[in-house]
Amino acid sequence: MDDMADTVSEALPRDFEALRALILDRREGLPKRIAQVAAYALDNPDEIAFGTAASIASSAGVQPSTLIRFAQHLGYDGFTSLQQVFRERLRERTTSYEERLTVVRGNDDGTSNRRIVDGFLAAASKSIDVMSRNLDDETLDRAIDLLNGAETIYILARRRSYPVASYIAYALGKLGVRSQLIESASGLSPEIISFANSRDAVIAISFSPYASATVEEARILSANNVPVIAITDSAFSPLAQFAKVWFEVAEADFGGFRSLAATMALAMGLTVGVAELRRGRKGKKSANSKG
């Protein structure tokens, strides 16, 4: 009996990414209140790490006993055991960039530079491989159809995700597709998004820890009936709650530095997919006018 208990204990997720994967895998079958705790936990991992059972339950809008049921539902013996996974995540994420560089460098044996590049190439390859396996064709088609029908495509992202948004805006411009990157050195982002309407669409990109400005502006756009296509990392992401269509992208990391390879590949696919559809539409109009 003890051997069986030890086996179950060893099978439990001991890092945050494995725990997140387990929660997402079971999300469809979670009872309502436990699903509510799961969503809160993935959206607010820092609060789970250091909050008390009473404060977490209050913030999540449940009874403290629900936290225990949530932990036991996942196989842990209690909430404290589950909380350790969130605390470990925080310890990993609060390492400074100097500490990350130390991890990346490792033992300098004269081949560190090549080892660093190989580490990032491996992370990029892993990210793209996971994306290739998990990408749903129907979701991709729906997203491209929505973007194809938009008068203007707005692009919304900040912080780590901003390079992806910048590339999408650049590529759409080169391909002759009208778009607007939501950014403003003079603080005019609210005015920019105020021009968007139901005939447009927005691509919103954010990963945990989610950029609050991105989430809030995506919420405003959605409330104004602008279709949101989200690129994010979880079904419990706040962006997924507003989105007509959303993609889950799990980026691998090397030494704490996360790849953007899969996200960039998806962005390229959406951009070129829209341009191809519009080229076909123009071709049909040209043929009809000649006829």
C-alpha atoms as a PDB file:
ATOM      1  CA  MET A   1       0.000   0.000   0.000  1.00  0.00           C
ATOM      2  CA  ASP A   2       2.870   2.354   0.895  1.00  0.00           C
ATOM      3  CA  ASP A   3       4.586   1.547  -2.412  1.00  0.00           C
ATOM      4  CA  MET A   4       1.418   2.547  -4.308  1.00  0.00           C
ATOM      5  CA  ALA A   5       1.193   5.822  -2.358  1.00  0.00           C
ATOM      6  CA  ASP A   6       4.847   6.546  -3.137  1.00  0.00           C
ATOM      7  CA  THR A   7       4.225   5.890  -6.853  1.00  0.00           C
ATOM      8  CA  VAL A   8       1.245   8.265  -6.915  1.00  0.00           C
ATOM      9  CA  SER A   9       3.265  10.900  -5.041  1.00  0.00           C
ATOM     10  CA  GLU A  10       6.153  10.635  -7.516  1.00  0.00           C
ATOM     11  CA  ALA A  11       3.733  11.032 -10.434  1.00  0.00           C
ATOM     12  CA  LEU A  12       2.394  14.348  -9.161  1.00  0.00           C
ATOM     13  CA  PRO A  13       3.636  17.498 -10.926  1.00  0.00           C
ATOM     14  CA  ARG A  14       6.504  19.081  -9.025  1.00  0.00           C
ATOM     15  CA  ASP A  15       6.994  22.074 -11.312  1.00  0.00           C
ATOM     16  CA  PHE A  16       4.538  24.723 -12.442  1.00  0.00           C
ATOM     17  CA  GLU A  17       4.544  23.888 -16.153  1.00  0.00           C
ATOM     18  CA  ALA A  18       3.690  20.239 -15.482  1.00  0.00           C
ATOM     19  CA  LEU A  19       0.961  21.304 -13.055  1.00  0.00           C
ATOM     20  CA  ARG A  20      -0.477  23.770 -15.593  1.00  0.00           C
ATOM     21  CA  ALA A  21      -0.535  21.007 -18.217  1.00  0.00           C
ATOM     22  CA  LEU A  22      -2.377  18.693 -15.798  1.00  0.00           C
ATOM     23  CA  ILE A  23      -4.987  21.343 -14.954  1.00  0.00           C
ATOM     24  CA  LEU A  24      -5.572  22.176 -18.625  1.00  0.00           C
ATOM     25  CA  ASP A  25      -5.871  18.495 -19.485  1.00  0.00           C
ATOM     26  CA  ARG A  26      -8.598  18.039 -16.853  1.00  0.00           C
ATOM     27  CA  ARG A  27     -10.343  21.412 -17.189  1.00  0.00           C
ATOM     28  CA  GLU A  28     -13.384  20.081 -19.052  1.00  0.00           C
ATOM     29  CA  GLY A  29     -14.233  17.684 -16.231  1.00  0.00           C
ATOM     30  CA  LEU A  30     -13.649  19.996 -13.258  1.00  0.00           C
ATOM     31  CA  PRO A  31     -16.668  20.790 -11.056  1.00  0.00           C
ATOM     32  CA  LYS A  32     -17.738  24.439 -11.257  1.00  0.00           C
ATOM     33  CA  ARG A  33     -16.165  25.694  -8.013  1.00  0.00           C
ATOM     34  CA  ILE A  34     -12.949  23.751  -8.515  1.00  0.00           C
ATOM     35  CA  ALA A  35     -12.709  25.104 -12.073  1.00  0.00           C
ATOM     36  CA  GLN A  36     -13.119  28.580 -10.584  1.00  0.00           C
ATOM     37  CA  VAL A  37     -10.143  27.962  -8.276  1.00  0.00           C
ATOM     38  CA  ALA A  38      -8.123  26.486 -11.154  1.00  0.00           C
ATOM     39  CA  ALA A  39      -8.692  29.574 -13.292  1.00  0.00           C
ATOM     40  CA  TYR A  40      -7.747  31.869 -10.412  1.00  0.00           C
ATOM     41  CA  ALA A  41      -4.625  29.810  -9.649  1.00  0.00           C
ATOM     42  CA  LEU A  42      -3.288  29.951 -13.197  1.00  0.00           C
ATOM     43  CA  ASP A  43      -4.078  33.659 -13.543  1.00  0.00           C
ATOM     44  CA  ASN A  44      -2.646  34.581 -10.121  1.00  0.00           C
ATOM     45  CA  PRO A  45       0.194  32.156  -9.342  1.00  0.00           C
ATOM     46  CA  ASP A  46       2.045  34.653  -7.114  1.00  0.00           C
ATOM     47  CA  GLU A  47      -0.998  35.048  -4.864  1.00  0.00           C
ATOM     48  CA  ILE A  48      -1.311  31.255  -4.592  1.00  0.00           C
ATOM     49  CA  ALA A  49       2.376  31.008  -3.686  1.00  0.00           C
ATOM     50  CA  PHE A  50       2.301  33.281  -0.639  1.00  0.00           C
ATOM     51  CA  GLY A  51      -1.337  33.908   0.260  1.00  0.00           C
ATOM     52  CA  THR A  52      -3.114  32.217   3.151  1.00  0.00           C
ATOM     53  CA  ALA A  53      -5.922  29.761   2.484  1.00  0.00           C
ATOM     54  CA  ALA A  54      -8.397  32.353   3.782  1.00  0.00           C
ATOM     55  CA  SER A  55      -7.069  35.231   1.644  1.00  0.00           C
ATOM     56  CA  ILE A  56      -6.812  33.088  -1.509  1.00  0.00           C
ATOM     57  CA  ALA A  57     -10.313  31.694  -1.036  1.00  0.00           C
ATOM     58  CA  SER A  58     -11.689  35.209  -0.538  1.00  0.00           C
ATOM     59  CA  SER A  59      -9.994  36.506  -3.691  1.00  0.00           C
ATOM     60  CA  ALA A  60     -11.116  33.491  -5.712  1.00  0.00           C
ATOM     61  CA  GLY A  61     -14.692  33.788  -4.422  1.00  0.00           C
ATOM     62  CA  VAL A  62     -14.845  30.314  -2.861  1.00  0.00           C
ATOM     63  CA  GLN A  63     -14.750  28.671   0.562  1.00  0.00           C
ATOM     64  CA  PRO A  64     -11.322  27.648   1.983  1.00  0.00           C
ATOM     65  CA  SER A  65     -12.440  24.020   1.862  1.00  0.00           C
ATOM     66  CA  THR A  66     -12.671  24.311  -1.929  1.00  0.00           C
ATOM     67  CA  LEU A  67      -8.901  24.898  -2.070  1.00  0.00           C
ATOM     68  CA  ILE A  68      -8.354  21.591  -0.321  1.00  0.00           C
ATOM     69  CA  ARG A  69     -10.772  19.851  -2.682  1.00  0.00           C
ATOM     70  CA  PHE A  70      -8.946  21.417  -5.635  1.00  0.00           C
ATOM     71  CA  ALA A  71      -5.598  20.087  -4.417  1.00  0.00           C
ATOM     72  CA  GLN A  72      -7.001  16.626  -3.686  1.00  0.00           C
ATOM     73  CA  HIS A  73      -8.767  16.542  -7.050  1.00  0.00           C
ATOM     74  CA  LEU A  74      -5.312  16.833  -8.643  1.00  0.00           C
ATOM     75  CA  GLY A  75      -3.898  14.107  -6.383  1.00  0.00           C
ATOM     76  CA  TYR A  76      -2.154  16.147  -3.675  1.00  0.00           C
ATOM     77  CA  ASP A  77      -2.727  15.312  -0.031  1.00  0.00           C
ATOM     78  CA  GLY A  78      -3.622  18.907   0.799  1.00  0.00           C
ATOM     79  CA  PHE A  79      -3.420  22.526  -0.305  1.00  0.00           C
ATOM     80  CA  THR A  80      -0.013  23.098   1.309  1.00  0.00           C
ATOM     81  CA  SER A  81       1.578  20.453  -0.911  1.00  0.00           C
ATOM     82  CA  LEU A  82       0.079  22.069  -4.004  1.00  0.00           C
ATOM     83  CA  GLN A  83       1.151  25.517  -2.826  1.00  0.00           C
ATOM     84  CA  GLN A  84       4.801  24.391  -2.809  1.00  0.00           C
ATOM     85  CA  VAL A  85       4.682  24.032  -6.610  1.00  0.00           C
ATOM     86  CA  PHE A  86       3.623  27.674  -6.940  1.00  0.00           C
ATOM     87  CA  ARG A  87       6.331  28.786  -4.513  1.00  0.00           C
ATOM     88  CA  GLU A  88       8.968  26.935  -6.495  1.00  0.00           C
ATOM     89  CA  ARG A  89       7.779  28.672  -9.676  1.00  0.00           C
ATOM     90  CA  LEU A  90       8.196  32.040  -8.005  1.00  0.00           C
ATOM     91  CA  ARG A  91      11.722  31.201  -6.896  1.00  0.00           C
ATOM     92  CA  GLU A  92      12.601  30.245 -10.480  1.00  0.00           C
ATOM     93  CA  ARG A  93      11.014  33.357 -12.005  1.00  0.00           C
ATOM     94  CA  THR A  94      12.549  35.831  -9.588  1.00  0.00           C
ATOM     95  CA  THR A  95      16.086  34.952 -10.588  1.00  0.00           C
ATOM     96  CA  SER A  96      17.864  37.994 -11.944  1.00  0.00           C
ATOM     97  CA  TYR A  97      19.099  38.156 -15.505  1.00  0.00           C
ATOM     98  CA  GLU A  98      22.622  37.869 -14.115  1.00  0.00           C
ATOM     99  CA  GLU A  99      21.655  34.588 -12.423  1.00  0.00           C
ATOM    100  CA  ARG A 100      20.035  33.367 -15.647  1.00  0.00           C
ATOM    101  CA  LEU A 101      23.241  34.093 -17.522  1.00  0.00           C
ATOM    102  CA  THR A 102      25.159  32.056 -14.939  1.00  0.00           C
ATOM    103  CA  VAL A 103      22.823  29.107 -15.554  1.00  0.00           C
ATOM    104  CA  VAL A 104      23.148  29.486 -19.317  1.00  0.00           C
ATOM    105  CA  ARG A 105      26.944  29.673 -19.228  1.00  0.00           C
ATOM    106  CA  GLY A 106      27.375  26.715 -16.906  1.00  0.00           C
ATOM    107  CA  ASN A 107      30.937  25.472 -16.731  1.00  0.00           C
ATOM    108  CA  ASP A 108      32.956  27.490 -19.218  1.00  0.00           C
ATOM    109  CA  ASP A 109      34.998  24.893 -21.072  1.00  0.00           C
ATOM    110  CA  GLY A 110      35.786  27.032 -24.101  1.00  0.00           C
ATOM    111  CA  THR A 111      32.692  25.946 -26.049  1.00  0.00           C
ATOM    112  CA  SER A 112      30.142  27.989 -24.080  1.00  0.00           C
ATOM    113  CA  ASN A 113      29.179  30.262 -26.951  1.00  0.00           C
ATOM    114  CA  ARG A 114      28.218  27.323 -29.173  1.00  0.00           C
ATOM    115  CA  ARG A 115      26.469  25.622 -26.253  1.00  0.00           C
ATOM    116  CA  ILE A 116      24.375  28.742 -25.637  1.00  0.00           C
ATOM    117  CA  VAL A 117      23.292  28.957 -29.278  1.00  0.00           C
ATOM    118  CA  ASP A 118      22.558  25.217 -29.354  1.00  0.00           C
ATOM    119  CA  GLY A 119      20.435  25.612 -26.200  1.00  0.00           C
ATOM    120  CA  PHE A 120      18.311  28.308 -27.801  1.00  0.00           C
ATOM    121  CA  LEU A 121      18.038  26.339 -31.047  1.00  0.00           C
ATOM    122  CA  ALA A 122      16.856  23.300 -29.081  1.00  0.00           C
ATOM    123  CA  ALA A 123      14.250  25.406 -27.215  1.00  0.00           C
ATOM    124  CA  ALA A 124      13.042  26.912 -30.494  1.00  0.00           C
ATOM    125  CA  SER A 125      12.826  23.484 -32.108  1.00  0.00           C
ATOM    126  CA  LYS A 126      10.879  22.067 -29.170  1.00  0.00           C
ATOM    127  CA  SER A 127       8.437  25.008 -29.219  1.00  0.00           C
ATOM    128  CA  ILE A 128       7.785  24.625 -32.942  1.00  0.00           C
ATOM    129  CA  ASP A 129       7.379  20.849 -32.647  1.00  0.00           C
ATOM    130  CA  VAL A 130       4.740  21.222 -29.899  1.00  0.00           C
ATOM    131  CA  MET A 131       2.926  23.878 -31.951  1.00  0.00           C
ATOM    132  CA  SER A 132       2.925  21.650 -35.028  1.00  0.00           C
ATOM    133  CA  ARG A 133       1.400  18.746 -33.079  1.00  0.00           C
ATOM    134  CA  ASN A 134      -1.226  20.782 -31.250  1.00  0.00           C
ATOM    135  CA  LEU A 135      -2.343  23.356 -33.825  1.00  0.00           C
ATOM    136  CA  ASP A 136      -5.992  22.816 -34.717  1.00  0.00           C
ATOM    137  CA  ASP A 137      -6.767  23.296 -38.427  1.00  0.00           C
ATOM    138  CA  GLU A 138     -10.332  24.485 -37.805  1.00  0.00           C
ATOM    139  CA  THR A 139      -9.147  27.112 -35.303  1.00  0.00           C
ATOM    140  CA  LEU A 140      -6.518  28.326 -37.763  1.00  0.00           C
ATOM    141  CA  ASP A 141      -9.062  28.576 -40.590  1.00  0.00           C
ATOM    142  CA  ARG A 142     -11.527  30.487 -38.402  1.00  0.00           C
ATOM    143  CA  ALA A 143      -8.862  32.976 -37.356  1.00  0.00           C
ATOM    144  CA  ILE A 144      -7.719  33.640 -40.914  1.00  0.00           C
ATOM    145  CA  ASP A 145     -11.312  33.995 -42.106  1.00  0.00           C
ATOM    146  CA  LEU A 146     -12.010  36.584 -39.393  1.00  0.00           C
ATOM    147  CA  LEU A 147      -8.869  38.524 -40.254  1.00  0.00           C
ATOM    148  CA  ASN A 148      -9.600  38.284 -43.967  1.00  0.00           C
ATOM    149  CA  GLY A 149     -13.000  39.913 -43.467  1.00  0.00           C
ATOM    150  CA  ALA A 150     -11.650  42.792 -41.381  1.00  0.00           C
ATOM    151  CA  GLU A 151     -11.439  46.302 -42.788  1.00  0.00           C
ATOM    152  CA  THR A 152      -8.521  47.060 -40.467  1.00  0.00           C
ATOM    153  CA  ILE A 153      -6.485  44.557 -38.466  1.00  0.00           C
ATOM    154  CA  TYR A 154      -5.393  45.992 -35.116  1.00  0.00           C
ATOM    155  CA  ILE A 155      -2.360  44.439 -33.422  1.00  0.00           C
ATOM    156  CA  LEU A 156      -1.988  44.523 -29.648  1.00  0.00           C
ATOM    157  CA  ALA A 157       0.992  43.344 -27.584  1.00  0.00           C
ATOM    158  CA  ARG A 158       3.534  44.641 -25.089  1.00  0.00           C
ATOM    159  CA  ARG A 159       6.726  43.659 -23.330  1.00  0.00           C
ATOM    160  CA  ARG A 160       8.066  40.243 -24.435  1.00  0.00           C
ATOM    161  CA  SER A 161       5.306  39.819 -27.027  1.00  0.00           C
ATOM    162  CA  TYR A 162       5.880  43.194 -28.688  1.00  0.00           C
ATOM    163  CA  PRO A 163       8.411  41.962 -31.310  1.00  0.00           C
ATOM    164  CA  VAL A 164       5.732  39.612 -32.669  1.00  0.00           C
ATOM    165  CA  ALA A 165       3.208  42.445 -32.987  1.00  0.00           C
ATOM    166  CA  SER A 166       5.804  44.635 -34.677  1.00  0.00           C
ATOM    167  CA  TYR A 167       6.564  41.905 -37.218  1.00  0.00           C
ATOM    168  CA  ILE A 168       2.865  41.338 -37.997  1.00  0.00           C
ATOM    169  CA  ALA A 169       2.370  45.064 -38.621  1.00  0.00           C
ATOM    170  CA  TYR A 170       5.468  45.178 -40.844  1.00  0.00           C
ATOM    171  CA  ALA A 171       4.447  42.114 -42.865  1.00  0.00           C
ATOM    172  CA  LEU A 172       0.829  43.201 -43.309  1.00  0.00           C
ATOM    173  CA  GLY A 173       2.014  46.594 -44.521  1.00  0.00           C
ATOM    174  CA  LYS A 174       4.337  45.011 -47.066  1.00  0.00           C
ATOM    175  CA  LEU A 175       1.521  42.703 -48.209  1.00  0.00           C
ATOM    176  CA  GLY A 176      -0.895  45.594 -48.711  1.00  0.00           C
ATOM    177  CA  VAL A 177      -3.253  44.668 -45.851  1.00  0.00           C
ATOM    178  CA  ARG A 178      -4.509  47.632 -43.820  1.00  0.00           C
ATOM    179  CA  SER A 179      -3.470  47.341 -40.196  1.00  0.00           C
ATOM    180  CA  GLN A 180      -2.800  49.437 -37.105  1.00  0.00           C
ATOM    181  CA  LEU A 181      -0.281  48.630 -34.390  1.00  0.00           C
ATOM    182  CA  ILE A 182      -1.732  49.790 -31.075  1.00  0.00           C
ATOM    183  CA  GLU A 183       1.127  51.809 -29.642  1.00  0.00           C
ATOM    184  CA  SER A 184       1.743  55.459 -28.975  1.00  0.00           C
ATOM    185  CA  ALA A 185       4.689  57.270 -27.438  1.00  0.00           C
ATOM    186  CA  SER A 186       2.307  60.131 -26.665  1.00  0.00           C
ATOM    187  CA  GLY A 187      -0.175  57.908 -24.829  1.00  0.00           C
ATOM    188  CA  LEU A 188      -2.836  57.815 -27.538  1.00  0.00           C
ATOM    189  CA  SER A 189      -3.559  54.085 -27.362  1.00  0.00           C
ATOM    190  CA  PRO A 190      -7.108  54.675 -26.017  1.00  0.00           C
ATOM    191  CA  GLU A 191      -7.831  56.968 -28.959  1.00  0.00           C
ATOM    192  CA  ILE A 192      -6.400  54.447 -31.422  1.00  0.00           C
ATOM    193  CA  ILE A 193      -8.580  51.587 -30.163  1.00  0.00           C
ATOM    194  CA  SER A 194     -11.630  53.863 -30.116  1.00  0.00           C
ATOM    195  CA  PHE A 195     -11.608  53.815 -33.938  1.00  0.00           C
ATOM    196  CA  ALA A 196     -11.988  50.000 -34.057  1.00  0.00           C
ATOM    197  CA  ASN A 197     -15.465  48.578 -34.664  1.00  0.00           C
ATOM    198  CA  SER A 198     -17.222  45.313 -35.478  1.00  0.00           C
ATOM    199  CA  ARG A 199     -16.018  45.449 -39.099  1.00  0.00           C
ATOM    200  CA  ASP A 200     -12.415  45.211 -37.885  1.00  0.00           C
ATOM    201  CA  ALA A 201     -10.472  42.573 -35.969  1.00  0.00           C
ATOM    202  CA  VAL A 202      -7.644  42.554 -33.435  1.00  0.00           C
ATOM    203  CA  ILE A 203      -4.745  40.190 -32.855  1.00  0.00           C
ATOM    204  CA  ALA A 204      -3.855  40.300 -29.139  1.00  0.00           C
ATOM    205  CA  ILE A 205      -0.733  38.586 -27.810  1.00  0.00           C
ATOM    206  CA  SER A 206       0.258  38.054 -24.176  1.00  0.00           C
ATOM    207  CA  PHE A 207       1.772  35.322 -22.029  1.00  0.00           C
ATOM    208  CA  SER A 208       1.990  34.787 -18.288  1.00  0.00           C
ATOM    209  CA  PRO A 209       2.640  37.045 -16.441  1.00  0.00           C
ATOM    210  CA  TYR A 210       0.106  38.825 -18.648  1.00  0.00           C
ATOM    211  CA  ALA A 211       0.617  42.490 -19.562  1.00  0.00           C
ATOM    212  CA  SER A 212      -2.241  44.254 -17.781  1.00  0.00           C
ATOM    213  CA  ALA A 213      -2.556  46.951 -20.467  1.00  0.00           C
ATOM    214  CA  THR A 214      -2.906  44.316 -23.194  1.00  0.00           C
ATOM    215  CA  VAL A 215      -5.600  42.474 -21.249  1.00  0.00           C
ATOM    216  CA  GLU A 216      -7.537  45.654 -20.468  1.00  0.00           C
ATOM    217  CA  GLU A 217      -7.427  46.975 -24.039  1.00  0.00           C
ATOM    218  CA  ALA A 218      -8.445  43.577 -25.427  1.00  0.00           C
ATOM    219  CA  ARG A 219     -11.399  43.622 -23.013  1.00  0.00           C
ATOM    220  CA  ILE A 220     -12.441  47.080 -24.222  1.00  0.00           C
ATOM    221  CA  LEU A 221     -12.169  46.038 -27.871  1.00  0.00           C
ATOM    222  CA  SER A 222     -14.210  42.897 -27.241  1.00  0.00           C
ATOM    223  CA  ALA A 223     -16.853  44.942 -25.401  1.00  0.00           C
ATOM    224  CA  ASN A 224     -17.053  47.144 -28.504  1.00  0.00           C
ATOM    225  CA  ASN A 225     -17.810  44.034 -30.597  1.00  0.00           C
ATOM    226  CA  VAL A 226     -14.379  43.915 -32.245  1.00  0.00           C
ATOM    227  CA  PRO A 227     -13.501  40.240 -32.856  1.00  0.00           C
ATOM    228  CA  VAL A 228     -10.382  39.287 -30.869  1.00  0.00           C
ATOM    229  CA  ILE A 229      -7.928  36.650 -32.099  1.00  0.00           C
ATOM    230  CA  ALA A 230      -5.708  35.845 -29.116  1.00  0.00           C
ATOM    231  CA  ILE A 231      -2.295  34.218 -28.980  1.00  0.00           C
ATOM    232  CA  THR A 232      -1.666  33.192 -25.379  1.00  0.00           C
ATOM    233  CA  ASP A 233      -0.591  30.269 -23.200  1.00  0.00           C
ATOM    234  CA  SER A 234      -3.636  28.908 -21.376  1.00  0.00           C
ATOM    235  CA  ALA A 235      -7.341  28.279 -21.553  1.00  0.00           C
ATOM    236  CA  PHE A 236      -7.466  30.224 -18.289  1.00  0.00           C
ATOM    237  CA  SER A 237      -5.608  33.209 -19.756  1.00  0.00           C
ATOM    238  CA  PRO A 238      -7.641  36.428 -19.423  1.00  0.00           C
ATOM    239  CA  LEU A 239      -7.200  36.940 -23.168  1.00  0.00           C
ATOM    240  CA  ALA A 240      -8.907  33.620 -23.903  1.00  0.00           C
ATOM    241  CA  GLN A 241     -12.001  34.877 -22.086  1.00  0.00           C
ATOM    242  CA  PHE A 242     -12.461  37.735 -24.585  1.00  0.00           C
ATOM    243  CA  ALA A 243     -11.420  35.956 -27.757  1.00  0.00           C
ATOM    244  CA  LYS A 244     -13.561  34.769 -30.672  1.00  0.00           C
ATOM    245  CA  VAL A 245     -10.633  32.513 -31.544  1.00  0.00           C
ATOM    246  CA  TRP A 246      -7.540  31.814 -29.460  1.00  0.00           C
ATOM    247  CA  PHE A 247      -4.336  29.840 -29.858  1.00  0.00           C
ATOM    248  CA  GLU A 248      -2.436  28.184 -27.030  1.00  0.00           C
ATOM    249  CA  VAL A 249       1.320  28.483 -27.522  1.00  0.00           C
ATOM    250  CA  ALA A 250       3.705  26.747 -25.134  1.00  0.00           C
ATOM    251  CA  GLU A 251       7.173  28.202 -25.597  1.00  0.00           C
ATOM    252  CA  ALA A 252      10.148  26.245 -24.267  1.00  0.00           C
ATOM    253  CA  ASP A 253      12.961  28.075 -22.503  1.00  0.00           C
ATOM    254  CA  PHE A 254      16.715  27.810 -22.126  1.00  0.00           C
ATOM    255  CA  GLY A 255      18.163  28.973 -18.839  1.00  0.00           C
ATOM    256  CA  GLY A 256      14.971  30.899 -18.044  1.00  0.00           C
ATOM    257  CA  PHE A 257      14.915  32.751 -21.376  1.00  0.00           C
ATOM    258  CA  ARG A 258      11.782  31.733 -23.254  1.00  0.00           C
ATOM    259  CA  SER A 259      11.697  31.228 -27.000  1.00  0.00           C
ATOM    260  CA  LEU A 260       9.366  33.127 -29.336  1.00  0.00           C
ATOM    261  CA  ALA A 261       9.886  30.726 -32.205  1.00  0.00           C
ATOM    262  CA  ALA A 262       6.454  29.076 -32.234  1.00  0.00           C
ATOM    263  CA  THR A 263       4.664  32.388 -31.678  1.00  0.00           C
ATOM    264  CA  MET A 264       6.540  33.992 -34.553  1.00  0.00           C
ATOM    265  CA  ALA A 265       5.821  31.034 -36.849  1.00  0.00           C
ATOM    266  CA  LEU A 266       2.102  31.267 -36.030  1.00  0.00           C
ATOM    267  CA  ALA A 267       2.167  35.036 -36.617  1.00  0.00           C
ATOM    268  CA  MET A 268       3.783  34.493 -40.025  1.00  0.00           C
ATOM    269  CA  GLY A 269       1.177  31.869 -40.892  1.00  0.00           C
ATOM    270  CA  LEU A 270      -1.732  34.155 -39.979  1.00  0.00           C
ATOM    271  CA  THR A 271      -0.243  37.093 -41.866  1.00  0.00           C
ATOM    272  CA  VAL A 272       0.538  35.241 -45.075  1.00  0.00           C
ATOM    273  CA  GLY A 273      -2.725  33.275 -44.855  1.00  0.00           C
ATOM    274  CA  VAL A 274      -4.738  36.505 -44.856  1.00  0.00           C
ATOM    275  CA  ALA A 275      -2.703  37.932 -47.757  1.00  0.00           C
ATOM    276  CA  GLU A 276      -3.244  34.759 -49.792  1.00  0.00           C
ATOM    277  CA  LEU A 277      -7.008  34.845 -49.254  1.00  0.00           C
ATOM    278  CA  ARG A 278      -7.169  38.497 -50.242  1.00  0.00           C
ATOM    279  CA  ARG A 279      -5.118  37.878 -53.349  1.00  0.00           C
ATOM    280  CA  GLY A 280      -7.586  35.173 -54.340  1.00  0.00           C
ATOM    281  CA  ARG A 281     -10.477  37.549 -53.679  1.00  0.00           C
ATOM    282  CA  LYS A 282      -8.909  40.217 -55.873  1.00  0.00           C
ATOM    283  CA  GLY A 283      -8.306  37.637 -58.586  1.00  0.00           C
ATOM    284  CA  LYS A 284     -11.984  36.688 -58.602  1.00  0.00           C
ATOM    285  CA  LYS A 285     -13.068  40.335 -58.810  1.00  0.00           C
ATOM    286  CA  SER A 286     -10.683  40.911 -61.710  1.00  0.00           C
ATOM    287  CA  ALA A 287     -11.982  37.845 -63.559  1.00  0.00           C
ATOM    288  CA  ASN A 288     -15.589  38.897 -62.984  1.00  0.00           C
ATOM    289  CA  SER A 289     -14.949  42.421 -64.277  1.00  0.00           C
ATOM    290  CA  LYS A 290     -13.373  41.040 -67.443  1.00  0.00           C
ATOM    291  CA  GLY A 291     -16.280  38.664 -67.920  1.00  0.00           C
END
